[in-house]
């Protein structure tokens, strides 16, 4: 029995020694043994031109699902910054639209909210600065929403760089729309 197993193993080793390391699959088609003979028009592979790859990015672009939330976040960022600029440079326009708004939070003297008793001589209170007045709240909202929009654009599968540029451009259009609507239209 041992001799039988040894003969089987030895014949298997001899078969393995005779094989090459070629792992390609050879298919035969109606008796044709060579793979090269199956090619009708043997030639070099077509080289792609770099400009063709560049313009291919234009034709293959499809907006991603997370572009909508990214654009909405960019819109919110632009709207917050537009409102911030109205508060800083045209405060009267803000109070014309919102006459009952708290002037201590939204007004030009809101910077004093970070001090005890609204007086800088008393020292700073422990409230985080972005909750003390509208200026800091809107500036922080602009930065957080803008960063979040950028993060949403870059999350996902590997794509050509130009697709990320398109997404950033659409996000920037959302930011600009939010800024124009608040600064130029809402607080006119």
N, C-alpha and C. Protein backbone atom coordinates (compact mmCIF):
# COMPACT_ATOMS: atom_id res chain seq x y z
N UNK A 1 0.83 -1.19 0.00
CA UNK A 1 0.00 0.00 0.00
C UNK A 1 0.87 1.25 0.00
N UNK A 2 1.95 1.21 0.81
CA UNK A 2 2.84 2.37 0.85
C UNK A 2 3.50 2.60 -0.51
N UNK A 3 3.85 1.56 -1.15
CA UNK A 3 4.49 1.67 -2.46
C UNK A 3 3.52 2.27 -3.47
N UNK A 4 2.28 1.91 -3.38
CA UNK A 4 1.27 2.45 -4.29
C UNK A 4 1.12 3.95 -4.10
N UNK A 5 1.04 4.42 -2.85
CA UNK A 5 0.92 5.86 -2.55
C UNK A 5 2.17 6.58 -3.01
N UNK A 6 3.34 6.00 -2.80
CA UNK A 6 4.59 6.62 -3.23
C UNK A 6 4.63 6.78 -4.75
N UNK A 7 4.16 5.79 -5.48
CA UNK A 7 4.15 5.85 -6.95
C UNK A 7 3.21 6.95 -7.43
N UNK A 8 2.08 7.08 -6.79
CA UNK A 8 1.12 8.13 -7.17
C UNK A 8 1.70 9.51 -6.91
N UNK A 9 2.31 9.70 -5.73
CA UNK A 9 2.92 10.99 -5.40
C UNK A 9 4.09 11.30 -6.33
N UNK A 10 4.90 10.31 -6.64
CA UNK A 10 6.06 10.52 -7.51
C UNK A 10 5.61 10.87 -8.92
N UNK A 11 4.57 10.23 -9.42
CA UNK A 11 4.10 10.57 -10.76
C UNK A 11 3.49 11.97 -10.79
N UNK A 12 2.83 12.35 -9.70
CA UNK A 12 2.31 13.72 -9.63
C UNK A 12 3.41 14.75 -9.60
N UNK A 13 4.51 14.47 -8.89
CA UNK A 13 5.64 15.39 -8.85
C UNK A 13 6.29 15.50 -10.21
N UNK A 14 6.37 14.40 -10.95
CA UNK A 14 6.95 14.45 -12.29
C UNK A 14 6.09 15.27 -13.23
N UNK A 15 4.79 15.15 -13.10
CA UNK A 15 3.89 15.95 -13.93
C UNK A 15 4.03 17.44 -13.62
N UNK A 16 4.18 17.77 -12.35
CA UNK A 16 4.34 19.18 -11.96
C UNK A 16 5.66 19.73 -12.46
N UNK A 17 6.70 18.91 -12.45
CA UNK A 17 8.01 19.39 -12.90
C UNK A 17 8.00 19.68 -14.38
N UNK A 18 7.18 19.01 -15.13
CA UNK A 18 7.14 19.21 -16.57
C UNK A 18 6.30 20.41 -16.98
N UNK A 19 5.49 20.97 -16.08
CA UNK A 19 4.64 22.10 -16.41
C UNK A 19 5.41 23.40 -16.27
N UNK A 20 5.03 24.39 -17.05
CA UNK A 20 5.64 25.72 -16.95
C UNK A 20 4.81 26.57 -15.99
N UNK A 21 5.31 27.74 -15.70
CA UNK A 21 4.62 28.65 -14.78
C UNK A 21 3.56 29.48 -15.48
N UNK A 22 3.28 29.19 -16.73
CA UNK A 22 2.28 29.94 -17.48
C UNK A 22 0.89 29.59 -16.95
N UNK A 23 0.17 30.60 -16.45
CA UNK A 23 -1.15 30.35 -15.88
C UNK A 23 -2.26 30.87 -16.78
N UNK A 24 -1.92 31.30 -17.99
CA UNK A 24 -2.96 31.80 -18.88
C UNK A 24 -3.82 30.65 -19.38
N UNK A 25 -5.04 30.96 -19.65
CA UNK A 25 -5.98 29.96 -20.13
C UNK A 25 -5.90 29.92 -21.65
N UNK A 26 -5.66 28.75 -22.19
CA UNK A 26 -5.59 28.59 -23.64
C UNK A 26 -6.89 27.96 -24.10
N UNK A 27 -7.58 28.65 -24.95
CA UNK A 27 -8.83 28.13 -25.48
C UNK A 27 -8.60 27.73 -26.94
N UNK A 28 -9.22 26.69 -27.28
CA UNK A 28 -9.11 26.24 -28.66
C UNK A 28 -10.43 26.51 -29.37
N UNK A 29 -10.31 26.97 -30.58
CA UNK A 29 -11.49 27.28 -31.36
C UNK A 29 -11.44 26.52 -32.67
N UNK A 30 -12.23 25.52 -32.83
CA UNK A 30 -12.32 24.71 -34.05
C UNK A 30 -10.95 24.22 -34.52
N UNK A 31 -10.18 23.75 -33.59
CA UNK A 31 -8.91 23.16 -33.95
C UNK A 31 -7.75 24.14 -34.02
N UNK A 32 -7.97 25.44 -33.82
CA UNK A 32 -6.87 26.41 -33.84
C UNK A 32 -6.21 26.38 -32.49
N UNK A 33 -4.92 26.07 -32.45
CA UNK A 33 -4.24 25.90 -31.17
C UNK A 33 -3.58 27.19 -30.68
N UNK A 34 -3.23 28.08 -31.54
CA UNK A 34 -2.52 29.28 -31.10
C UNK A 34 -3.51 30.40 -30.85
N UNK A 35 -3.28 31.10 -29.76
CA UNK A 35 -4.16 32.20 -29.40
C UNK A 35 -3.99 33.37 -30.38
N UNK A 36 -2.76 33.62 -30.84
CA UNK A 36 -2.51 34.73 -31.75
C UNK A 36 -3.21 34.52 -33.08
N UNK A 37 -3.41 33.28 -33.49
CA UNK A 37 -4.07 33.01 -34.76
C UNK A 37 -5.55 33.36 -34.70
N UNK A 38 -6.12 33.45 -33.51
CA UNK A 38 -7.53 33.80 -33.37
C UNK A 38 -7.79 35.27 -33.58
N UNK A 39 -6.79 36.12 -33.45
CA UNK A 39 -6.98 37.56 -33.65
C UNK A 39 -7.09 37.84 -35.14
N UNK A 40 -8.12 38.51 -35.53
CA UNK A 40 -8.33 38.80 -36.94
C UNK A 40 -7.38 39.88 -37.44
N UNK A 41 -7.21 40.93 -36.66
CA UNK A 41 -6.36 42.04 -37.07
C UNK A 41 -5.33 42.30 -35.98
N UNK A 42 -4.25 41.57 -35.96
CA UNK A 42 -3.27 41.79 -34.91
C UNK A 42 -2.59 43.15 -35.08
N UNK A 43 -2.60 43.92 -34.03
CA UNK A 43 -1.94 45.22 -34.06
C UNK A 43 -1.65 45.64 -32.64
N UNK A 44 -1.01 46.80 -32.49
CA UNK A 44 -0.72 47.32 -31.15
C UNK A 44 -2.02 47.84 -30.54
N UNK A 45 -2.09 47.83 -29.20
CA UNK A 45 -3.27 48.43 -28.58
C UNK A 45 -3.29 49.94 -28.85
N UNK A 46 -4.48 50.48 -28.96
CA UNK A 46 -4.65 51.90 -29.25
C UNK A 46 -4.21 52.71 -28.04
N UNK A 47 -3.31 53.66 -28.27
CA UNK A 47 -2.86 54.52 -27.18
C UNK A 47 -3.84 55.67 -27.04
N UNK A 48 -4.21 55.95 -25.79
CA UNK A 48 -5.13 57.05 -25.53
C UNK A 48 -4.35 58.35 -25.39
N UNK A 49 -4.87 59.36 -25.99
CA UNK A 49 -4.25 60.68 -25.93
C UNK A 49 -4.62 61.33 -24.59
N UNK A 50 -3.70 62.08 -23.95
CA UNK A 50 -4.02 62.70 -22.66
C UNK A 50 -5.21 63.64 -22.72
N UNK A 51 -5.37 64.38 -23.82
CA UNK A 51 -6.54 65.27 -23.92
C UNK A 51 -7.84 64.48 -24.01
N UNK A 52 -7.75 63.31 -24.62
CA UNK A 52 -8.95 62.47 -24.69
C UNK A 52 -9.38 62.05 -23.29
N UNK A 53 -8.42 61.70 -22.44
CA UNK A 53 -8.75 61.36 -21.06
C UNK A 53 -9.33 62.56 -20.32
N UNK A 54 -8.80 63.75 -20.59
CA UNK A 54 -9.29 64.96 -19.94
C UNK A 54 -10.74 65.22 -20.33
N UNK A 55 -11.04 65.17 -21.62
CA UNK A 55 -12.40 65.44 -22.07
C UNK A 55 -13.35 64.29 -21.74
N UNK A 56 -12.81 63.11 -21.53
CA UNK A 56 -13.63 61.99 -21.10
C UNK A 56 -14.24 62.26 -19.73
N UNK A 57 -13.54 63.06 -18.90
CA UNK A 57 -14.08 63.42 -17.58
C UNK A 57 -15.35 64.25 -17.72
N UNK A 58 -15.43 65.06 -18.77
CA UNK A 58 -16.64 65.86 -18.98
C UNK A 58 -17.82 64.99 -19.35
N UNK A 59 -17.57 64.00 -20.18
CA UNK A 59 -18.68 63.19 -20.67
C UNK A 59 -19.12 62.12 -19.68
N UNK A 60 -18.24 61.73 -18.77
CA UNK A 60 -18.61 60.68 -17.82
C UNK A 60 -19.08 61.22 -16.48
N UNK A 61 -19.14 62.54 -16.33
CA UNK A 61 -19.55 63.11 -15.03
C UNK A 61 -21.03 62.87 -14.78
N UNK A 62 -21.32 62.37 -13.60
CA UNK A 62 -22.69 62.21 -13.11
C UNK A 62 -22.70 62.71 -11.68
N UNK A 63 -23.62 63.63 -11.34
CA UNK A 63 -23.66 64.12 -9.96
C UNK A 63 -23.92 62.98 -8.97
N UNK A 64 -23.25 63.05 -7.83
CA UNK A 64 -23.41 62.02 -6.80
C UNK A 64 -24.62 62.36 -5.93
N UNK A 65 -25.09 61.36 -5.20
CA UNK A 65 -26.24 61.58 -4.32
C UNK A 65 -25.93 62.57 -3.21
N UNK A 66 -24.69 62.53 -2.70
CA UNK A 66 -24.38 63.42 -1.58
C UNK A 66 -24.04 64.83 -2.03
N UNK A 67 -24.20 65.14 -3.32
CA UNK A 67 -23.99 66.51 -3.79
C UNK A 67 -25.14 67.41 -3.37
N UNK A 68 -26.34 66.86 -3.24
CA UNK A 68 -27.49 67.68 -2.82
C UNK A 68 -27.30 68.18 -1.39
N UNK A 69 -27.00 67.32 -0.40
CA UNK A 69 -26.76 67.86 0.94
C UNK A 69 -25.54 68.79 0.99
N UNK A 70 -24.53 68.49 0.19
CA UNK A 70 -23.34 69.36 0.18
C UNK A 70 -23.70 70.74 -0.35
N UNK A 71 -24.50 70.79 -1.40
CA UNK A 71 -24.91 72.08 -1.96
C UNK A 71 -25.83 72.82 -1.00
N UNK A 72 -26.70 72.10 -0.30
CA UNK A 72 -27.58 72.75 0.69
C UNK A 72 -26.77 73.30 1.87
N UNK A 73 -25.75 72.56 2.30
CA UNK A 73 -24.88 73.07 3.36
C UNK A 73 -24.11 74.30 2.88
N UNK A 74 -23.65 74.28 1.64
CA UNK A 74 -22.97 75.45 1.09
C UNK A 74 -23.92 76.63 0.98
N UNK A 75 -25.16 76.36 0.60
CA UNK A 75 -26.17 77.43 0.56
C UNK A 75 -26.38 78.03 1.95
N UNK A 76 -26.49 77.16 2.97
CA UNK A 76 -26.64 77.65 4.35
C UNK A 76 -25.42 78.44 4.80
N UNK A 77 -24.24 78.02 4.38
CA UNK A 77 -23.02 78.75 4.71
C UNK A 77 -23.04 80.13 4.08
N UNK A 78 -23.42 80.21 2.81
CA UNK A 78 -23.50 81.51 2.14
C UNK A 78 -24.57 82.40 2.75
N UNK A 79 -25.70 81.82 3.11
CA UNK A 79 -26.77 82.60 3.73
C UNK A 79 -26.34 83.13 5.09
N UNK A 80 -25.63 82.32 5.86
CA UNK A 80 -25.13 82.78 7.16
C UNK A 80 -24.13 83.92 6.98
N UNK A 81 -23.25 83.78 5.98
CA UNK A 81 -22.26 84.84 5.78
C UNK A 81 -22.91 86.11 5.23
N UNK A 82 -23.91 85.98 4.38
CA UNK A 82 -24.64 87.16 3.89
C UNK A 82 -25.33 87.89 5.03
N UNK A 83 -25.96 87.14 5.93
CA UNK A 83 -26.60 87.76 7.10
C UNK A 83 -25.56 88.39 8.01
N UNK A 84 -24.43 87.74 8.18
CA UNK A 84 -23.32 88.30 8.98
C UNK A 84 -22.88 89.64 8.42
N UNK A 85 -22.71 89.72 7.11
CA UNK A 85 -22.26 90.97 6.50
C UNK A 85 -23.30 92.07 6.61
N UNK A 86 -24.58 91.71 6.52
CA UNK A 86 -25.64 92.70 6.72
C UNK A 86 -25.58 93.23 8.15
N UNK A 87 -25.40 92.35 9.11
CA UNK A 87 -25.34 92.78 10.51
C UNK A 87 -24.13 93.68 10.77
N UNK A 88 -23.01 93.41 10.12
CA UNK A 88 -21.80 94.18 10.37
C UNK A 88 -21.79 95.53 9.65
N UNK A 89 -22.35 95.59 8.45
CA UNK A 89 -22.19 96.79 7.64
C UNK A 89 -23.48 97.54 7.35
N UNK A 90 -24.64 96.87 7.46
CA UNK A 90 -25.93 97.51 7.18
C UNK A 90 -26.94 97.05 8.23
N UNK A 91 -26.66 97.33 9.47
CA UNK A 91 -27.48 96.83 10.57
C UNK A 91 -28.92 97.32 10.47
N UNK A 92 -29.09 98.53 9.98
CA UNK A 92 -30.45 99.08 9.86
C UNK A 92 -31.31 98.28 8.89
N UNK A 93 -30.71 97.71 7.85
CA UNK A 93 -31.47 96.88 6.91
C UNK A 93 -31.98 95.62 7.60
N UNK A 94 -31.20 95.05 8.50
CA UNK A 94 -31.63 93.86 9.22
C UNK A 94 -32.84 94.18 10.10
N UNK A 95 -32.79 95.29 10.83
CA UNK A 95 -33.88 95.62 11.74
C UNK A 95 -35.11 96.16 11.01
N UNK A 96 -34.96 96.54 9.74
CA UNK A 96 -36.13 96.89 8.94
C UNK A 96 -36.93 95.63 8.60
N UNK A 97 -36.21 94.54 8.33
CA UNK A 97 -36.87 93.27 8.01
C UNK A 97 -37.38 92.59 9.29
N UNK A 98 -36.58 92.63 10.36
CA UNK A 98 -36.95 92.01 11.64
C UNK A 98 -36.97 93.08 12.74
N UNK A 99 -38.05 93.87 12.81
CA UNK A 99 -38.07 94.98 13.78
C UNK A 99 -38.11 94.53 15.24
N UNK A 100 -38.60 93.32 15.52
CA UNK A 100 -38.70 92.86 16.91
C UNK A 100 -37.51 92.03 17.34
N UNK A 101 -36.45 91.97 16.56
CA UNK A 101 -35.28 91.18 16.91
C UNK A 101 -34.58 91.79 18.13
N UNK A 102 -34.02 90.94 18.97
CA UNK A 102 -33.33 91.37 20.18
C UNK A 102 -32.06 92.14 19.79
N UNK A 103 -32.03 93.43 20.08
CA UNK A 103 -30.89 94.25 19.69
C UNK A 103 -29.64 93.90 20.50
N UNK A 104 -29.83 93.33 21.66
CA UNK A 104 -28.66 92.95 22.46
C UNK A 104 -27.91 91.77 21.82
N UNK A 105 -28.63 90.90 21.12
CA UNK A 105 -28.00 89.77 20.44
C UNK A 105 -27.63 90.11 19.00
N UNK A 106 -28.50 90.83 18.29
CA UNK A 106 -28.32 91.10 16.87
C UNK A 106 -27.72 92.47 16.58
N UNK A 107 -27.68 93.34 17.54
CA UNK A 107 -27.26 94.73 17.31
C UNK A 107 -25.75 94.94 17.31
N UNK A 108 -25.34 96.18 17.02
CA UNK A 108 -23.90 96.48 16.94
C UNK A 108 -23.18 96.41 18.29
N UNK A 109 -23.91 96.53 19.38
CA UNK A 109 -23.30 96.46 20.71
C UNK A 109 -23.28 95.04 21.27
N UNK A 110 -23.55 94.06 20.44
CA UNK A 110 -23.65 92.67 20.90
C UNK A 110 -22.30 92.11 21.35
N UNK A 111 -21.22 92.74 20.98
CA UNK A 111 -19.91 92.25 21.40
C UNK A 111 -19.75 92.29 22.91
N UNK A 112 -20.56 93.10 23.59
CA UNK A 112 -20.47 93.20 25.05
C UNK A 112 -21.13 92.01 25.76
N UNK A 113 -21.84 91.16 25.01
CA UNK A 113 -22.51 90.01 25.63
C UNK A 113 -21.54 89.03 26.26
N UNK A 114 -20.31 89.03 25.84
CA UNK A 114 -19.35 88.06 26.39
C UNK A 114 -18.80 88.47 27.76
N UNK A 115 -19.21 89.62 28.25
CA UNK A 115 -18.74 90.10 29.55
C UNK A 115 -19.85 90.01 30.58
N UNK A 116 -19.45 89.84 31.83
CA UNK A 116 -20.42 89.79 32.93
C UNK A 116 -21.12 91.13 33.01
N UNK A 117 -22.44 91.10 33.08
CA UNK A 117 -23.22 92.31 33.24
C UNK A 117 -23.13 93.26 32.06
N UNK A 118 -22.76 92.76 30.89
CA UNK A 118 -22.68 93.56 29.66
C UNK A 118 -21.64 94.68 29.77
N UNK A 119 -20.67 94.50 30.70
CA UNK A 119 -19.65 95.53 30.94
C UNK A 119 -18.26 94.90 30.84
N UNK A 120 -17.41 95.40 29.94
CA UNK A 120 -16.07 94.82 29.78
C UNK A 120 -15.21 94.91 31.05
N UNK A 121 -15.49 95.82 31.95
CA UNK A 121 -14.70 95.96 33.18
C UNK A 121 -14.91 94.78 34.12
N UNK A 122 -16.03 94.08 33.99
CA UNK A 122 -16.34 92.97 34.88
C UNK A 122 -15.65 91.66 34.48
N UNK A 123 -15.05 91.61 33.31
CA UNK A 123 -14.38 90.39 32.86
C UNK A 123 -15.27 89.49 32.04
N UNK A 124 -14.64 88.47 31.44
CA UNK A 124 -15.36 87.57 30.55
C UNK A 124 -16.18 86.55 31.33
N UNK A 125 -17.35 86.23 30.79
CA UNK A 125 -18.11 85.13 31.34
C UNK A 125 -17.68 83.83 30.64
N UNK A 126 -18.23 82.71 31.04
CA UNK A 126 -17.76 81.42 30.53
C UNK A 126 -18.59 80.89 29.37
N UNK A 127 -19.45 81.70 28.82
CA UNK A 127 -20.26 81.28 27.67
C UNK A 127 -19.37 81.18 26.44
N UNK A 128 -19.46 80.08 25.68
CA UNK A 128 -18.68 80.00 24.44
C UNK A 128 -19.01 81.18 23.53
N UNK A 129 -18.00 81.70 22.88
CA UNK A 129 -18.12 82.96 22.14
C UNK A 129 -19.17 82.90 21.04
N UNK A 130 -19.36 81.73 20.43
CA UNK A 130 -20.32 81.68 19.33
C UNK A 130 -21.76 81.68 19.80
N UNK A 131 -22.00 81.62 21.09
CA UNK A 131 -23.36 81.75 21.61
C UNK A 131 -23.63 83.13 22.19
N UNK A 132 -22.64 84.00 22.24
CA UNK A 132 -22.83 85.30 22.88
C UNK A 132 -23.50 86.32 21.98
N UNK A 133 -23.26 86.27 20.67
CA UNK A 133 -23.88 87.24 19.78
C UNK A 133 -24.03 86.66 18.38
N UNK A 134 -24.81 87.37 17.57
CA UNK A 134 -25.12 86.87 16.22
C UNK A 134 -23.89 86.88 15.32
N UNK A 135 -23.01 87.84 15.51
CA UNK A 135 -21.82 87.94 14.66
C UNK A 135 -21.00 86.65 14.74
N UNK A 136 -20.71 86.20 15.95
CA UNK A 136 -19.90 85.01 16.13
C UNK A 136 -20.67 83.73 15.77
N UNK A 137 -21.95 83.72 16.06
CA UNK A 137 -22.76 82.55 15.71
C UNK A 137 -22.82 82.36 14.19
N UNK A 138 -23.04 83.45 13.46
CA UNK A 138 -23.13 83.35 12.00
C UNK A 138 -21.77 83.03 11.38
N UNK A 139 -20.70 83.60 11.91
CA UNK A 139 -19.37 83.29 11.38
C UNK A 139 -19.01 81.82 11.63
N UNK A 140 -19.34 81.30 12.80
CA UNK A 140 -19.08 79.89 13.09
C UNK A 140 -19.93 78.98 12.23
N UNK A 141 -21.19 79.35 12.02
CA UNK A 141 -22.08 78.57 11.17
C UNK A 141 -21.55 78.52 9.74
N UNK A 142 -21.04 79.66 9.26
CA UNK A 142 -20.46 79.70 7.92
C UNK A 142 -19.31 78.72 7.79
N UNK A 143 -18.43 78.71 8.77
CA UNK A 143 -17.26 77.83 8.69
C UNK A 143 -17.64 76.35 8.82
N UNK A 144 -18.52 76.03 9.75
CA UNK A 144 -18.91 74.63 9.96
C UNK A 144 -19.67 74.10 8.74
N UNK A 145 -20.61 74.87 8.22
CA UNK A 145 -21.36 74.41 7.05
C UNK A 145 -20.46 74.30 5.83
N UNK A 146 -19.55 75.25 5.65
CA UNK A 146 -18.63 75.19 4.51
C UNK A 146 -17.71 73.98 4.59
N UNK A 147 -17.16 73.72 5.76
CA UNK A 147 -16.30 72.55 5.93
C UNK A 147 -17.09 71.27 5.70
N UNK A 148 -18.31 71.21 6.22
CA UNK A 148 -19.14 70.01 6.04
C UNK A 148 -19.47 69.77 4.57
N UNK A 149 -19.74 70.84 3.84
CA UNK A 149 -20.01 70.70 2.41
C UNK A 149 -18.79 70.14 1.69
N UNK A 150 -17.62 70.64 2.02
CA UNK A 150 -16.39 70.12 1.41
C UNK A 150 -16.13 68.67 1.77
N UNK A 151 -16.43 68.31 3.00
CA UNK A 151 -16.23 66.92 3.42
C UNK A 151 -17.19 65.98 2.69
N UNK A 152 -18.43 66.42 2.49
CA UNK A 152 -19.40 65.58 1.78
C UNK A 152 -19.02 65.39 0.32
N UNK A 153 -18.41 66.40 -0.28
CA UNK A 153 -18.00 66.28 -1.68
C UNK A 153 -16.92 65.22 -1.83
N UNK A 154 -15.99 65.15 -0.90
CA UNK A 154 -14.85 64.25 -1.06
C UNK A 154 -15.11 62.83 -0.57
N UNK A 155 -16.22 62.60 0.11
CA UNK A 155 -16.52 61.25 0.60
C UNK A 155 -17.06 60.41 -0.55
N UNK A 156 -16.57 59.20 -0.69
CA UNK A 156 -17.13 58.31 -1.70
C UNK A 156 -16.06 57.58 -2.47
N UNK A 157 -16.46 57.14 -3.65
CA UNK A 157 -15.58 56.32 -4.46
C UNK A 157 -14.49 57.16 -5.13
N UNK A 158 -13.52 56.45 -5.66
CA UNK A 158 -12.41 57.10 -6.36
C UNK A 158 -12.92 57.56 -7.72
N UNK A 159 -12.76 58.86 -7.99
CA UNK A 159 -13.24 59.44 -9.24
C UNK A 159 -12.14 60.31 -9.85
N UNK A 160 -12.29 60.70 -11.11
CA UNK A 160 -11.32 61.62 -11.68
C UNK A 160 -11.35 62.97 -10.95
N UNK A 161 -10.22 63.64 -10.93
CA UNK A 161 -10.10 64.91 -10.21
C UNK A 161 -11.09 65.93 -10.73
N UNK A 162 -11.32 65.93 -12.02
CA UNK A 162 -12.23 66.90 -12.60
C UNK A 162 -13.65 66.74 -12.07
N UNK A 163 -14.05 65.55 -11.70
CA UNK A 163 -15.38 65.36 -11.11
C UNK A 163 -15.48 66.06 -9.76
N UNK A 164 -14.41 66.02 -8.97
CA UNK A 164 -14.40 66.75 -7.70
C UNK A 164 -14.45 68.25 -7.94
N UNK A 165 -13.80 68.71 -8.99
CA UNK A 165 -13.83 70.14 -9.34
C UNK A 165 -15.26 70.55 -9.72
N UNK A 166 -15.95 69.71 -10.48
CA UNK A 166 -17.35 70.00 -10.83
C UNK A 166 -18.22 70.08 -9.58
N UNK A 167 -18.05 69.12 -8.68
CA UNK A 167 -18.83 69.12 -7.43
C UNK A 167 -18.53 70.37 -6.60
N UNK A 168 -17.26 70.75 -6.52
CA UNK A 168 -16.90 71.96 -5.77
C UNK A 168 -17.49 73.19 -6.43
N UNK A 169 -17.52 73.22 -7.75
CA UNK A 169 -18.12 74.36 -8.46
C UNK A 169 -19.61 74.47 -8.19
N UNK A 170 -20.30 73.33 -8.20
CA UNK A 170 -21.73 73.36 -7.88
C UNK A 170 -21.97 73.77 -6.43
N UNK A 171 -21.12 73.32 -5.55
CA UNK A 171 -21.23 73.71 -4.15
C UNK A 171 -20.97 75.22 -3.99
N UNK A 172 -20.00 75.73 -4.74
CA UNK A 172 -19.73 77.17 -4.69
C UNK A 172 -20.91 77.97 -5.24
N UNK A 173 -21.58 77.44 -6.26
CA UNK A 173 -22.79 78.11 -6.75
C UNK A 173 -23.87 78.16 -5.68
N UNK A 174 -24.00 77.07 -4.90
CA UNK A 174 -24.95 77.07 -3.78
C UNK A 174 -24.58 78.10 -2.73
N UNK A 175 -23.28 78.21 -2.42
CA UNK A 175 -22.81 79.22 -1.46
C UNK A 175 -23.12 80.62 -1.96
N UNK A 176 -22.82 80.87 -3.22
CA UNK A 176 -23.06 82.19 -3.80
C UNK A 176 -24.55 82.52 -3.81
N UNK A 177 -25.38 81.54 -4.14
CA UNK A 177 -26.83 81.77 -4.14
C UNK A 177 -27.33 82.14 -2.75
N UNK A 178 -26.85 81.43 -1.73
CA UNK A 178 -27.26 81.76 -0.36
C UNK A 178 -26.82 83.15 0.04
N UNK A 179 -25.61 83.54 -0.33
CA UNK A 179 -25.10 84.86 0.02
C UNK A 179 -25.88 85.95 -0.71
N UNK A 180 -26.12 85.78 -2.00
CA UNK A 180 -26.83 86.79 -2.78
C UNK A 180 -28.27 86.94 -2.30
N UNK A 181 -28.92 85.81 -2.01
CA UNK A 181 -30.32 85.88 -1.57
C UNK A 181 -30.44 86.64 -0.25
N UNK A 182 -29.56 86.37 0.70
CA UNK A 182 -29.68 87.06 1.99
C UNK A 182 -29.17 88.50 1.90
N UNK A 183 -28.00 88.71 1.34
CA UNK A 183 -27.41 90.05 1.36
C UNK A 183 -28.09 91.01 0.40
N UNK A 184 -28.39 90.56 -0.81
CA UNK A 184 -28.92 91.46 -1.81
C UNK A 184 -30.45 91.46 -1.93
N UNK A 185 -31.10 90.36 -1.60
CA UNK A 185 -32.54 90.29 -1.80
C UNK A 185 -33.34 90.39 -0.50
N UNK A 186 -32.99 89.58 0.50
CA UNK A 186 -33.76 89.56 1.73
C UNK A 186 -33.62 90.86 2.53
N UNK A 187 -32.39 91.33 2.66
CA UNK A 187 -32.15 92.54 3.46
C UNK A 187 -31.87 93.73 2.54
N UNK A 188 -32.75 93.99 1.65
CA UNK A 188 -32.60 95.08 0.70
C UNK A 188 -32.99 96.38 1.31
